[in-house]
């Protein structure tokens, strides 16, 4: 029994030490963060991030107010119409080629039939 109690006490002591170390680690991390937050570099970075955010917001507003979205829509419509024309032309050429191939196959068949008759 005594060994179990000793083991239990040791486990409790280790747990208490671990808890203390964890608390100290959090405190040190918090202190480091607070020091960094108060540093000149952190202030500069924060300022730059604000400027970047403002710049991006400004450019988004400018884009929305410009005629670029309308120009892009017009471009899309023209490209769509042009692609439909190209597809139609490709189909027509495909049909012409298919017709020529069919005719050539027919000619070959006729020649082969003719050769067979000559023999």
PDB file of N, CA and C in Angstrom:
ATOM      1  N   UNK A   1       0.819  -1.194   0.000  1.00  0.00           N
ATOM      2  CA  UNK A   1       0.000   0.000   0.000  1.00  0.00           C
ATOM      3  C   UNK A   1       0.861   1.255   0.000  1.00  0.00           C
ATOM      4  N   UNK A   2       1.949   1.150   0.748  1.00  0.00           N
ATOM      5  CA  UNK A   2       2.804   2.318   0.904  1.00  0.00           C
ATOM      6  C   UNK A   2       3.410   2.729  -0.452  1.00  0.00           C
ATOM      7  N   UNK A   3       3.743   1.728  -1.259  1.00  0.00           N
ATOM      8  CA  UNK A   3       4.329   2.013  -2.567  1.00  0.00           C
ATOM      9  C   UNK A   3       3.317   2.729  -3.465  1.00  0.00           C
ATOM     10  N   UNK A   4       2.060   2.339  -3.390  1.00  0.00           N
ATOM     11  CA  UNK A   4       1.011   2.979  -4.205  1.00  0.00           C
ATOM     12  C   UNK A   4       0.847   4.432  -3.795  1.00  0.00           C
ATOM     13  N   UNK A   5       0.870   4.668  -2.475  1.00  0.00           N
ATOM     14  CA  UNK A   5       0.722   6.038  -1.990  1.00  0.00           C
ATOM     15  C   UNK A   5       1.905   6.889  -2.420  1.00  0.00           C
ATOM     16  N   UNK A   6       3.112   6.309  -2.328  1.00  0.00           N
ATOM     17  CA  UNK A   6       4.306   7.030  -2.764  1.00  0.00           C
ATOM     18  C   UNK A   6       4.217   7.347  -4.260  1.00  0.00           C
ATOM     19  N   UNK A   7       3.771   6.365  -5.025  1.00  0.00           N
ATOM     20  CA  UNK A   7       3.631   6.552  -6.474  1.00  0.00           C
ATOM     21  C   UNK A   7       2.597   7.634  -6.763  1.00  0.00           C
ATOM     22  N   UNK A   8       1.478   7.590  -6.027  1.00  0.00           N
ATOM     23  CA  UNK A   8       0.432   8.602  -6.204  1.00  0.00           C
ATOM     24  C   UNK A   8       0.950   9.995  -5.879  1.00  0.00           C
ATOM     25  N   UNK A   9       1.719  10.106  -4.802  1.00  0.00           N
ATOM     26  CA  UNK A   9       2.291  11.401  -4.423  1.00  0.00           C
ATOM     27  C   UNK A   9       3.253  11.903  -5.499  1.00  0.00           C
ATOM     28  N   UNK A  10       4.057  11.000  -6.046  1.00  0.00           N
ATOM     29  CA  UNK A  10       5.013  11.384  -7.088  1.00  0.00           C
ATOM     30  C   UNK A  10       4.287  11.871  -8.340  1.00  0.00           C
ATOM     31  N   UNK A  11       3.217  11.200  -8.688  1.00  0.00           N
ATOM     32  CA  UNK A  11       2.442  11.599  -9.867  1.00  0.00           C
ATOM     33  C   UNK A  11       1.847  12.987  -9.644  1.00  0.00           C
ATOM     34  N   UNK A  12       1.307  13.224  -8.427  1.00  0.00           N
ATOM     35  CA  UNK A  12       0.733  14.535  -8.115  1.00  0.00           C
ATOM     36  C   UNK A  12       1.806  15.620  -8.163  1.00  0.00           C
ATOM     37  N   UNK A  13       2.974  15.316  -7.640  1.00  0.00           N
ATOM     38  CA  UNK A  13       4.069  16.290  -7.655  1.00  0.00           C
ATOM     39  C   UNK A  13       4.488  16.614  -9.106  1.00  0.00           C
ATOM     40  N   UNK A  14       4.568  15.581  -9.927  1.00  0.00           N
ATOM     41  CA  UNK A  14       4.948  15.790 -11.324  1.00  0.00           C
ATOM     42  C   UNK A  14       3.875  16.612 -12.048  1.00  0.00           C
ATOM     43  N   UNK A  15       2.626  16.323 -11.766  1.00  0.00           N
ATOM     44  CA  UNK A  15       1.541  17.071 -12.387  1.00  0.00           C
ATOM     45  C   UNK A  15       1.589  18.531 -11.958  1.00  0.00           C
ATOM     46  N   UNK A  16       1.859  18.765 -10.690  1.00  0.00           N
ATOM     47  CA  UNK A  16       1.957  20.144 -10.196  1.00  0.00           C
ATOM     48  C   UNK A  16       3.124  20.874 -10.866  1.00  0.00           C
ATOM     49  N   UNK A  17       4.256  20.192 -11.003  1.00  0.00           N
ATOM     50  CA  UNK A  17       5.415  20.804 -11.670  1.00  0.00           C
ATOM     51  C   UNK A  17       5.095  21.115 -13.138  1.00  0.00           C
ATOM     52  N   UNK A  18       4.441  20.188 -13.794  1.00  0.00           N
ATOM     53  CA  UNK A  18       4.084  20.384 -15.202  1.00  0.00           C
ATOM     54  C   UNK A  18       3.153  21.582 -15.347  1.00  0.00           C
ATOM     55  N   UNK A  19       2.172  21.666 -14.447  1.00  0.00           N
ATOM     56  CA  UNK A  19       1.236  22.786 -14.483  1.00  0.00           C
ATOM     57  C   UNK A  19       1.972  24.108 -14.277  1.00  0.00           C
ATOM     58  N   UNK A  20       2.906  24.113 -13.338  1.00  0.00           N
ATOM     59  CA  UNK A  20       3.684  25.314 -13.051  1.00  0.00           C
ATOM     60  C   UNK A  20       4.509  25.720 -14.279  1.00  0.00           C
ATOM     61  N   UNK A  21       5.149  24.735 -14.932  1.00  0.00           N
ATOM     62  CA  UNK A  21       5.952  25.013 -16.125  1.00  0.00           C
ATOM     63  C   UNK A  21       5.084  25.559 -17.268  1.00  0.00           C
ATOM     64  N   UNK A  22       3.922  24.995 -17.413  1.00  0.00           N
ATOM     65  CA  UNK A  22       3.005  25.457 -18.461  1.00  0.00           C
ATOM     66  C   UNK A  22       2.588  26.899 -18.187  1.00  0.00           C
ATOM     67  N   UNK A  23       2.219  27.186 -16.941  1.00  0.00           N
ATOM     68  CA  UNK A  23       1.840  28.546 -16.581  1.00  0.00           C
ATOM     69  C   UNK A  23       2.978  29.523 -16.831  1.00  0.00           C
ATOM     70  N   UNK A  24       4.194  29.136 -16.462  1.00  0.00           N
ATOM     71  CA  UNK A  24       5.349  29.997 -16.697  1.00  0.00           C
ATOM     72  C   UNK A  24       5.573  30.225 -18.187  1.00  0.00           C
ATOM     73  N   UNK A  25       5.390  29.168 -18.980  1.00  0.00           N
ATOM     74  CA  UNK A  25       5.544  29.286 -20.434  1.00  0.00           C
ATOM     75  C   UNK A  25       4.534  30.250 -21.025  1.00  0.00           C
ATOM     76  N   UNK A  26       3.277  30.143 -20.576  1.00  0.00           N
ATOM     77  CA  UNK A  26       2.246  31.061 -21.069  1.00  0.00           C
ATOM     78  C   UNK A  26       2.562  32.496 -20.655  1.00  0.00           C
ATOM     79  N   UNK A  27       3.010  32.671 -19.434  1.00  0.00           N
ATOM     80  CA  UNK A  27       3.346  34.014 -18.958  1.00  0.00           C
ATOM     81  C   UNK A  27       4.484  34.615 -19.783  1.00  0.00           C
ATOM     82  N   UNK A  28       5.505  33.817 -20.057  1.00  0.00           N
ATOM     83  CA  UNK A  28       6.638  34.305 -20.851  1.00  0.00           C
ATOM     84  C   UNK A  28       6.188  34.641 -22.272  1.00  0.00           C
ATOM     85  N   UNK A  29       5.346  33.800 -22.849  1.00  0.00           N
ATOM     86  CA  UNK A  29       4.849  34.058 -24.201  1.00  0.00           C
ATOM     87  C   UNK A  29       4.027  35.347 -24.220  1.00  0.00           C
ATOM     88  N   UNK A  30       3.199  35.524 -23.201  1.00  0.00           N
ATOM     89  CA  UNK A  30       2.366  36.723 -23.118  1.00  0.00           C
ATOM     90  C   UNK A  30       3.243  37.963 -22.982  1.00  0.00           C
ATOM     91  N   UNK A  31       4.257  37.886 -22.129  1.00  0.00           N
ATOM     92  CA  UNK A  31       5.180  39.014 -21.963  1.00  0.00           C
ATOM     93  C   UNK A  31       5.903  39.329 -23.269  1.00  0.00           C
ATOM     94  N   UNK A  32       6.359  38.301 -23.950  1.00  0.00           N
ATOM     95  CA  UNK A  32       7.061  38.498 -25.220  1.00  0.00           C
ATOM     96  C   UNK A  32       6.149  39.158 -26.240  1.00  0.00           C
ATOM     97  N   UNK A  33       4.912  38.705 -26.282  1.00  0.00           N
ATOM     98  CA  UNK A  33       3.950  39.284 -27.226  1.00  0.00           C
ATOM     99  C   UNK A  33       3.697  40.749 -26.894  1.00  0.00           C
ATOM    100  N   UNK A  34       3.536  41.049 -25.627  1.00  0.00           N
ATOM    101  CA  UNK A  34       3.288  42.431 -25.213  1.00  0.00           C
ATOM    102  C   UNK A  34       4.491  43.318 -25.564  1.00  0.00           C
ATOM    103  N   UNK A  35       5.703  42.791 -25.369  1.00  0.00           N
ATOM    104  CA  UNK A  35       6.899  43.556 -25.720  1.00  0.00           C
ATOM    105  C   UNK A  35       6.958  43.780 -27.230  1.00  0.00           C
ATOM    106  N   UNK A  36       6.672  42.736 -27.987  1.00  0.00           N
ATOM    107  CA  UNK A  36       6.698  42.848 -29.449  1.00  0.00           C
ATOM    108  C   UNK A  36       5.637  43.834 -29.921  1.00  0.00           C
ATOM    109  N   UNK A  37       4.481  43.781 -29.281  1.00  0.00           N
ATOM    110  CA  UNK A  37       3.375  44.651 -29.653  1.00  0.00           C
ATOM    111  C   UNK A  37       3.742  46.114 -29.422  1.00  0.00           C
ATOM    112  N   UNK A  38       4.537  46.364 -28.416  1.00  0.00           N
ATOM    113  CA  UNK A  38       4.953  47.725 -28.110  1.00  0.00           C
ATOM    114  C   UNK A  38       6.165  48.171 -28.894  1.00  0.00           C
ATOM    115  N   UNK A  39       6.719  47.291 -29.729  1.00  0.00           N
ATOM    116  CA  UNK A  39       7.949  47.626 -30.446  1.00  0.00           C
ATOM    117  C   UNK A  39       7.660  48.516 -31.657  1.00  0.00           C
ATOM    118  N   UNK A  40       8.720  49.158 -32.121  1.00  0.00           N
ATOM    119  CA  UNK A  40       8.623  50.037 -33.287  1.00  0.00           C
ATOM    120  C   UNK A  40       8.299  49.232 -34.549  1.00  0.00           C
ATOM    121  N   UNK A  41       8.888  48.065 -34.660  1.00  0.00           N
ATOM    122  CA  UNK A  41       8.652  47.212 -35.827  1.00  0.00           C
ATOM    123  C   UNK A  41       7.181  46.818 -35.932  1.00  0.00           C
ATOM    124  N   UNK A  42       6.593  46.423 -34.817  1.00  0.00           N
ATOM    125  CA  UNK A  42       5.174  46.044 -34.812  1.00  0.00           C
ATOM    126  C   UNK A  42       4.318  47.230 -35.240  1.00  0.00           C
ATOM    127  N   UNK A  43       4.655  48.414 -34.749  1.00  0.00           N
ATOM    128  CA  UNK A  43       3.906  49.617 -35.118  1.00  0.00           C
ATOM    129  C   UNK A  43       4.011  49.887 -36.612  1.00  0.00           C
ATOM    130  N   UNK A  44       5.230  49.730 -37.163  1.00  0.00           N
ATOM    131  CA  UNK A  44       5.422  49.954 -38.593  1.00  0.00           C
ATOM    132  C   UNK A  44       4.623  48.948 -39.414  1.00  0.00           C
ATOM    133  N   UNK A  45       4.702  47.696 -39.000  1.00  0.00           N
ATOM    134  CA  UNK A  45       3.970  46.647 -39.737  1.00  0.00           C
ATOM    135  C   UNK A  45       2.468  46.902 -39.670  1.00  0.00           C
ATOM    136  N   UNK A  46       1.971  47.269 -38.502  1.00  0.00           N
ATOM    137  CA  UNK A  46       0.543  47.557 -38.356  1.00  0.00           C
ATOM    138  C   UNK A  46       0.135  48.718 -39.259  1.00  0.00           C
ATOM    139  N   UNK A  47       0.978  49.742 -39.286  1.00  0.00           N
ATOM    140  CA  UNK A  47       0.694  50.894 -40.143  1.00  0.00           C
ATOM    141  C   UNK A  47       0.683  50.520 -41.613  1.00  0.00           C
ATOM    142  N   UNK A  48       1.659  49.723 -42.012  1.00  0.00           N
ATOM    143  CA  UNK A  48       1.722  49.284 -43.410  1.00  0.00           C
ATOM    144  C   UNK A  48       0.509  48.439 -43.782  1.00  0.00           C
ATOM    145  N   UNK A  49       0.103  47.569 -42.874  1.00  0.00           N
ATOM    146  CA  UNK A  49      -1.069  46.731 -43.148  1.00  0.00           C
ATOM    147  C   UNK A  49      -2.320  47.582 -43.319  1.00  0.00           C
ATOM    148  N   UNK A  50      -2.445  48.621 -42.512  1.00  0.00           N
ATOM    149  CA  UNK A  50      -3.587  49.531 -42.645  1.00  0.00           C
ATOM    150  C   UNK A  50      -3.554  50.229 -44.002  1.00  0.00           C
ATOM    151  N   UNK A  51      -2.354  50.700 -44.390  1.00  0.00           N
ATOM    152  CA  UNK A  51      -2.210  51.368 -45.685  1.00  0.00           C
ATOM    153  C   UNK A  51      -2.554  50.424 -46.836  1.00  0.00           C
ATOM    154  N   UNK A  52      -2.093  49.188 -46.736  1.00  0.00           N
ATOM    155  CA  UNK A  52      -2.392  48.200 -47.784  1.00  0.00           C
ATOM    156  C   UNK A  52      -3.900  47.972 -47.864  1.00  0.00           C
ATOM    157  N   UNK A  53      -4.546  47.819 -46.727  1.00  0.00           N
ATOM    158  CA  UNK A  53      -5.996  47.621 -46.708  1.00  0.00           C
ATOM    159  C   UNK A  53      -6.737  48.785 -47.330  1.00  0.00           C
ATOM    160  N   UNK A  54      -6.320  49.995 -46.996  1.00  0.00           N
ATOM    161  CA  UNK A  54      -6.958  51.188 -47.562  1.00  0.00           C
ATOM    162  C   UNK A  54      -6.739  51.256 -49.073  1.00  0.00           C
ATOM    163  N   UNK A  55      -5.521  50.933 -49.513  1.00  0.00           N
ATOM    164  CA  UNK A  55      -5.199  50.953 -50.943  1.00  0.00           C
ATOM    165  C   UNK A  55      -6.075  49.957 -51.708  1.00  0.00           C
ATOM    166  N   UNK A  56      -6.177  48.756 -51.183  1.00  0.00           N
ATOM    167  CA  UNK A  56      -6.983  47.727 -51.848  1.00  0.00           C
ATOM    168  C   UNK A  56      -8.449  48.154 -51.898  1.00  0.00           C
ATOM    169  N   UNK A  57      -8.967  48.675 -50.795  1.00  0.00           N
ATOM    170  CA  UNK A  57     -10.356  49.144 -50.771  1.00  0.00           C
ATOM    171  C   UNK A  57     -10.576  50.234 -51.814  1.00  0.00           C
ATOM    172  N   UNK A  58      -9.619  51.172 -51.908  1.00  0.00           N
ATOM    173  CA  UNK A  58      -9.713  52.276 -52.865  1.00  0.00           C
ATOM    174  C   UNK A  58      -9.746  51.732 -54.300  1.00  0.00           C
ATOM    175  N   UNK A  59      -8.874  50.775 -54.589  1.00  0.00           N
ATOM    176  CA  UNK A  59      -8.802  50.211 -55.941  1.00  0.00           C
ATOM    177  C   UNK A  59     -10.060  49.430 -56.287  1.00  0.00           C
ATOM    178  N   UNK A  60     -10.645  48.779 -55.314  1.00  0.00           N
ATOM    179  CA  UNK A  60     -11.892  48.044 -55.567  1.00  0.00           C
ATOM    180  C   UNK A  60     -13.000  49.020 -55.925  1.00  0.00           C
ATOM    181  N   UNK A  61     -13.078  50.121 -55.193  1.00  0.00           N
ATOM    182  CA  UNK A  61     -14.086  51.142 -55.488  1.00  0.00           C
ATOM    183  C   UNK A  61     -13.849  51.716 -56.879  1.00  0.00           C
ATOM    184  N   UNK A  62     -12.596  52.024 -57.212  1.00  0.00           N
ATOM    185  CA  UNK A  62     -12.272  52.560 -58.537  1.00  0.00           C
ATOM    186  C   UNK A  62     -12.671  51.585 -59.636  1.00  0.00           C
ATOM    187  N   UNK A  63     -12.412  50.303 -59.416  1.00  0.00           N
ATOM    188  CA  UNK A  63     -12.763  49.293 -60.413  1.00  0.00           C
ATOM    189  C   UNK A  63     -14.272  49.224 -60.604  1.00  0.00           C
ATOM    190  N   UNK A  64     -15.001  49.246 -59.488  1.00  0.00           N
ATOM    191  CA  UNK A  64     -16.461  49.181 -59.586  1.00  0.00           C
ATOM    192  C   UNK A  64     -17.034  50.401 -60.294  1.00  0.00           C
ATOM    193  N   UNK A  65     -16.399  51.559 -60.086  1.00  0.00           N
ATOM    194  CA  UNK A  65     -16.883  52.791 -60.691  1.00  0.00           C
ATOM    195  C   UNK A  65     -16.435  52.947 -62.137  1.00  0.00           C
ATOM    196  N   UNK A  66     -15.436  52.207 -62.556  1.00  0.00           N
ATOM    197  CA  UNK A  66     -14.928  52.315 -63.927  1.00  0.00           C
ATOM    198  C   UNK A  66     -15.846  51.565 -64.878  1.00  0.00           C
ATOM    199  N   UNK A  67     -15.560  51.714 -66.165  1.00  0.00           N
ATOM    200  CA  UNK A  67     -16.349  50.998 -67.162  1.00  0.00           C
ATOM    201  C   UNK A  67     -15.729  49.652 -67.522  1.00  0.00           C
ATOM    202  N   UNK A  68     -14.709  49.257 -66.792  1.00  0.00           N
ATOM    203  CA  UNK A  68     -14.047  47.985 -67.072  1.00  0.00           C
ATOM    204  C   UNK A  68     -15.002  46.787 -66.991  1.00  0.00           C
ATOM    205  N   UNK A  69     -15.870  46.708 -65.968  1.00  0.00           N
ATOM    206  CA  UNK A  69     -16.792  45.559 -65.959  1.00  0.00           C
ATOM    207  C   UNK A  69     -17.665  45.496 -67.216  1.00  0.00           C
ATOM    208  N   UNK A  70     -18.114  46.671 -67.706  1.00  0.00           N
ATOM    209  CA  UNK A  70     -18.916  46.683 -68.933  1.00  0.00           C
ATOM    210  C   UNK A  70     -18.079  46.268 -70.139  1.00  0.00           C
ATOM    211  N   UNK A  71     -16.826  46.748 -70.173  1.00  0.00           N
ATOM    212  CA  UNK A  71     -15.936  46.372 -71.264  1.00  0.00           C
ATOM    213  C   UNK A  71     -15.681  44.867 -71.261  1.00  0.00           C
ATOM    214  N   UNK A  72     -15.498  44.310 -70.087  1.00  0.00           N
ATOM    215  CA  UNK A  72     -15.270  42.865 -69.985  1.00  0.00           C
ATOM    216  C   UNK A  72     -16.497  42.084 -70.442  1.00  0.00           C
ATOM    217  N   UNK A  73     -17.680  42.573 -70.101  1.00  0.00           N
ATOM    218  CA  UNK A  73     -18.919  41.900 -70.519  1.00  0.00           C
ATOM    219  C   UNK A  73     -19.058  41.960 -72.038  1.00  0.00           C
ATOM    220  N   UNK A  74     -18.759  43.113 -72.624  1.00  0.00           N
ATOM    221  CA  UNK A  74     -18.808  43.243 -74.090  1.00  0.00           C
ATOM    222  C   UNK A  74     -17.794  42.311 -74.753  1.00  0.00           C
ATOM    223  N   UNK A  75     -16.602  42.258 -74.193  1.00  0.00           N
ATOM    224  CA  UNK A  75     -15.577  41.366 -74.719  1.00  0.00           C
ATOM    225  C   UNK A  75     -16.053  39.917 -74.653  1.00  0.00           C
ATOM    226  N   UNK A  76     -16.671  39.541 -73.529  1.00  0.00           N
ATOM    227  CA  UNK A  76     -17.168  38.178 -73.362  1.00  0.00           C
ATOM    228  C   UNK A  76     -18.209  37.847 -74.426  1.00  0.00           C
ATOM    229  N   UNK A  77     -19.126  38.791 -74.669  1.00  0.00           N
ATOM    230  CA  UNK A  77     -20.182  38.560 -75.665  1.00  0.00           C
ATOM    231  C   UNK A  77     -19.597  38.402 -77.066  1.00  0.00           C
ATOM    232  N   UNK A  78     -18.629  39.273 -77.407  1.00  0.00           N
ATOM    233  CA  UNK A  78     -18.000  39.185 -78.730  1.00  0.00           C
ATOM    234  C   UNK A  78     -17.229  37.873 -78.883  1.00  0.00           C
ATOM    235  N   UNK A  79     -16.515  37.489 -77.832  1.00  0.00           N
ATOM    236  CA  UNK A  79     -15.749  36.240 -77.882  1.00  0.00           C
ATOM    237  C   UNK A  79     -16.684  35.051 -78.027  1.00  0.00           C
ATOM    238  N   UNK A  80     -17.809  35.098 -77.338  1.00  0.00           N
ATOM    239  CA  UNK A  80     -18.782  34.000 -77.430  1.00  0.00           C
ATOM    240  C   UNK A  80     -19.340  33.908 -78.842  1.00  0.00           C
ATOM    241  N   UNK A  81     -19.710  35.055 -79.425  1.00  0.00           N
ATOM    242  CA  UNK A  81     -20.250  35.062 -80.783  1.00  0.00           C
ATOM    243  C   UNK A  81     -19.191  34.562 -81.774  1.00  0.00           C
ATOM    244  N   UNK A  82     -17.971  35.020 -81.597  1.00  0.00           N
ATOM    245  CA  UNK A  82     -16.898  34.612 -82.503  1.00  0.00           C
ATOM    246  C   UNK A  82     -16.627  33.107 -82.393  1.00  0.00           C
ATOM    247  N   UNK A  83     -16.656  32.604 -81.175  1.00  0.00           N
ATOM    248  CA  UNK A  83     -16.406  31.172 -81.001  1.00  0.00           C
ATOM    249  C   UNK A  83     -17.520  30.345 -81.624  1.00  0.00           C
ATOM    250  N   UNK A  84     -18.753  30.841 -81.549  1.00  0.00           N
ATOM    251  CA  UNK A  84     -19.860  30.121 -82.191  1.00  0.00           C
ATOM    252  C   UNK A  84     -19.653  30.081 -83.707  1.00  0.00           C
ATOM    253  N   UNK A  85     -19.199  31.191 -84.269  1.00  0.00           N
ATOM    254  CA  UNK A  85     -18.926  31.253 -85.707  1.00  0.00           C
ATOM    255  C   UNK A  85     -17.823  30.263 -86.087  1.00  0.00           C
ATOM    256  N   UNK A  86     -16.777  30.244 -85.299  1.00  0.00           N
ATOM    257  CA  UNK A  86     -15.658  29.325 -85.575  1.00  0.00           C
ATOM    258  C   UNK A  86     -16.110  27.870 -85.489  1.00  0.00           C
ATOM    259  N   UNK A  87     -16.934  27.553 -84.497  1.00  0.00           N
ATOM    260  CA  UNK A  87     -17.443  26.183 -84.357  1.00  0.00           C
ATOM    261  C   UNK A  87     -18.296  25.818 -85.562  1.00  0.00           C
ATOM    262  N   UNK A  88     -19.153  26.749 -86.004  1.00  0.00           N
ATOM    263  CA  UNK A  88     -19.990  26.482 -87.180  1.00  0.00           C
ATOM    264  C   UNK A  88     -19.131  26.258 -88.418  1.00  0.00           C
ATOM    265  N   UNK A  89     -18.078  27.079 -88.589  1.00  0.00           N
ATOM    266  CA  UNK A  89     -17.181  26.907 -89.733  1.00  0.00           C
ATOM    267  C   UNK A  89     -16.454  25.561 -89.660  1.00  0.00           C
ATOM    268  N   UNK A  90     -16.025  25.188 -88.474  1.00  0.00           N
ATOM    269  CA  UNK A  90     -15.333  23.909 -88.306  1.00  0.00           C
ATOM    270  C   UNK A  90     -16.263  22.752 -88.662  1.00  0.00           C
ATOM    271  N   UNK A  91     -17.526  22.863 -88.254  1.00  0.00           N
ATOM    272  CA  UNK A  91     -18.504  21.814 -88.605  1.00  0.00           C
ATOM    273  C   UNK A  91     -18.675  21.730 -90.121  1.00  0.00           C
ATOM    274  N   UNK A  92     -18.773  22.883 -90.771  1.00  0.00           N
ATOM    275  CA  UNK A  92     -18.944  22.901 -92.228  1.00  0.00           C
ATOM    276  C   UNK A  92     -17.739  22.277 -92.918  1.00  0.00           C
ATOM    277  N   UNK A  93     -16.535  22.655 -92.493  1.00  0.00           N
ATOM    278  CA  UNK A  93     -15.326  22.053 -93.074  1.00  0.00           C
ATOM    279  C   UNK A  93     -15.279  20.559 -92.806  1.00  0.00           C
ATOM    280  N   UNK A  94     -15.679  20.172 -91.614  1.00  0.00           N
ATOM    281  CA  UNK A  94     -15.717  18.746 -91.276  1.00  0.00           C
ATOM    282  C   UNK A  94     -16.656  17.983 -92.199  1.00  0.00           C
ATOM    283  N   UNK A  95     -17.812  18.586 -92.479  1.00  0.00           N
ATOM    284  CA  UNK A  95     -18.774  17.944 -93.383  1.00  0.00           C
ATOM    285  C   UNK A  95     -18.211  17.852 -94.803  1.00  0.00           C
ATOM    286  N   UNK A  96     -17.520  18.908 -95.252  1.00  0.00           N
ATOM    287  CA  UNK A  96     -16.905  18.874 -96.595  1.00  0.00           C
ATOM    288  C   UNK A  96     -15.859  17.769 -96.675  1.00  0.00           C
ATOM    289  N   UNK A  97     -15.016  17.714 -95.648  1.00  0.00           N
ATOM    290  CA  UNK A  97     -13.970  16.684 -95.635  1.00  0.00           C
ATOM    291  C   UNK A  97     -14.589  15.296 -95.580  1.00  0.00           C
ATOM    292  N   UNK A  98     -15.631  15.146 -94.781  1.00  0.00           N
ATOM    293  CA  UNK A  98     -16.306  13.843 -94.683  1.00  0.00           C
ATOM    294  C   UNK A  98     -16.890  13.455 -96.036  1.00  0.00           C
ATOM    295  N   UNK A  99     -17.461  14.447 -96.721  1.00  0.00           N
ATOM    296  CA  UNK A  99     -18.009  14.175 -98.058  1.00  0.00           C
ATOM    297  C   UNK A  99     -16.923  13.761 -99.030  1.00  0.00           C
ATOM    298  N   UNK A 100     -15.788  14.464 -98.992  1.00  0.00           N
ATOM    299  CA  UNK A 100     -14.664  14.119 -99.871  1.00  0.00           C
ATOM    300  C   UNK A 100     -14.136  12.722 -99.554  1.00  0.00           C
ATOM    301  N   UNK A 101     -14.046  12.394 -98.279  1.00  0.00           N
ATOM    302  CA  UNK A 101     -13.569  11.066 -97.876  1.00  0.00           C
ATOM    303  C   UNK A 101     -14.547   9.995 -98.342  1.00  0.00           C
ATOM    304  N   UNK A 102     -15.819  10.279 -98.178  1.00  0.00           N
ATOM    305  CA  UNK A 102     -16.846   9.322 -98.605  1.00  0.00           C
ATOM    306  C   UNK A 102     -16.746   9.076-100.113  1.00  0.00           C
ATOM    307  N   UNK A 103     -16.565  10.158-100.863  1.00  0.00           N
ATOM    308  CA  UNK A 103     -16.440  10.051-102.319  1.00  0.00           C
ATOM    309  C   UNK A 103     -15.188   9.253-102.687  1.00  0.00           C
ATOM    310  N   UNK A 104     -14.078   9.526-101.980  1.00  0.00           N
ATOM    311  CA  UNK A 104     -12.833   8.805-102.263  1.00  0.00           C
ATOM    312  C   UNK A 104     -13.001   7.318-101.964  1.00  0.00           C
ATOM    313  N   UNK A 105     -13.664   6.995-100.867  1.00  0.00           N
ATOM    314  CA  UNK A 105     -13.907   5.585-100.517  1.00  0.00           C
ATOM    315  C   UNK A 105     -14.765   4.930-101.589  1.00  0.00           C
ATOM    316  N   UNK A 106     -15.775   5.683-102.030  1.00  0.00           N
ATOM    317  CA  UNK A 106     -16.631   5.155-103.102  1.00  0.00           C
ATOM    318  C   UNK A 106     -15.828   4.888-104.373  1.00  0.00           C
ATOM    319  N   UNK A 107     -14.936   5.789-104.720  1.00  0.00           N
ATOM    320  CA  UNK A 107     -14.092   5.610-105.918  1.00  0.00           C
ATOM    321  C   UNK A 107     -13.204   4.378-105.777  1.00  0.00           C
ATOM    322  N   UNK A 108     -12.618   4.211-104.589  1.00  0.00           N
ATOM    323  CA  UNK A 108     -11.768   3.042-104.358  1.00  0.00           C
ATOM    324  C   UNK A 108     -12.596   1.768-104.477  1.00  0.00           C
ATOM    325  N   UNK A 109     -13.791   1.781-103.908  1.00  0.00           N
ATOM    326  CA  UNK A 109     -14.661   0.595-103.992  1.00  0.00           C
ATOM    327  C   UNK A 109     -14.989   0.283-105.449  1.00  0.00           C
ATOM    328  N   UNK A 110     -15.329   1.355-106.194  1.00  0.00           N
ATOM    329  CA  UNK A 110     -15.668   1.157-107.608  1.00  0.00           C
ATOM    330  C   UNK A 110     -14.483   0.583-108.381  1.00  0.00           C
ATOM    331  N   UNK A 111     -13.288   1.089-108.098  1.00  0.00           N
ATOM    332  CA  UNK A 111     -12.094   0.579-108.790  1.00  0.00           C
ATOM    333  C   UNK A 111     -11.838  -0.883-108.418  1.00  0.00           C
ATOM    334  N   UNK A 112     -12.030  -1.195-107.129  1.00  0.00           N
ATOM    335  CA  UNK A 112     -11.822  -2.574-106.717  1.00  0.00           C
ATOM    336  C   UNK A 112     -12.865  -3.495-107.365  1.00  0.00           C
ATOM    337  N   UNK A 113     -14.110  -3.025-107.465  1.00  0.00           N
ATOM    338  CA  UNK A 113     -15.155  -3.836-108.118  1.00  0.00           C
ATOM    339  C   UNK A 113     -14.803  -4.023-109.594  1.00  0.00           C
ATOM    340  N   UNK A 114     -14.323  -2.949-110.190  1.00  0.00           N
ATOM    341  CA  UNK A 114     -13.959  -3.004-111.611  1.00  0.00           C
ATOM    342  C   UNK A 114     -12.804  -3.977-111.841  1.00  0.00           C
ATOM    343  N   UNK A 115     -11.849  -4.021-110.981  1.00  0.00           N
ATOM    344  CA  UNK A 115     -10.709  -4.930-111.127  1.00  0.00           C
ATOM    345  C   UNK A 115     -11.192  -6.367-110.992  1.00  0.00           C
ATOM    346  N   UNK A 116     -12.139  -6.562-110.119  1.00  0.00           N
ATOM    347  CA  UNK A 116     -12.649  -7.908-109.898  1.00  0.00           C
ATOM    348  C   UNK A 116     -13.392  -8.401-111.130  1.00  0.00           C
ATOM    349  N   UNK A 117     -14.065  -7.521-111.860  1.00  0.00           N
ATOM    350  CA  UNK A 117     -14.811  -7.888-113.043  1.00  0.00           C
ATOM    351  C   UNK A 117     -13.891  -8.203-114.208  1.00  0.00           C
ATOM    352  N   UNK A 118     -12.776  -7.537-114.279  1.00  0.00           N
ATOM    353  CA  UNK A 118     -11.839  -7.735-115.380  1.00  0.00           C
ATOM    354  C   UNK A 118     -11.222  -9.119-115.333  1.00  0.00           C
ATOM    355  N   UNK A 119     -11.076  -9.651-114.145  1.00  0.00           N
ATOM    356  CA  UNK A 119     -10.439 -10.959-114.009  1.00  0.00           C
ATOM    357  C   UNK A 119     -11.352 -12.015-114.426  1.00  0.00           C
TER     358      UNK A 119
END
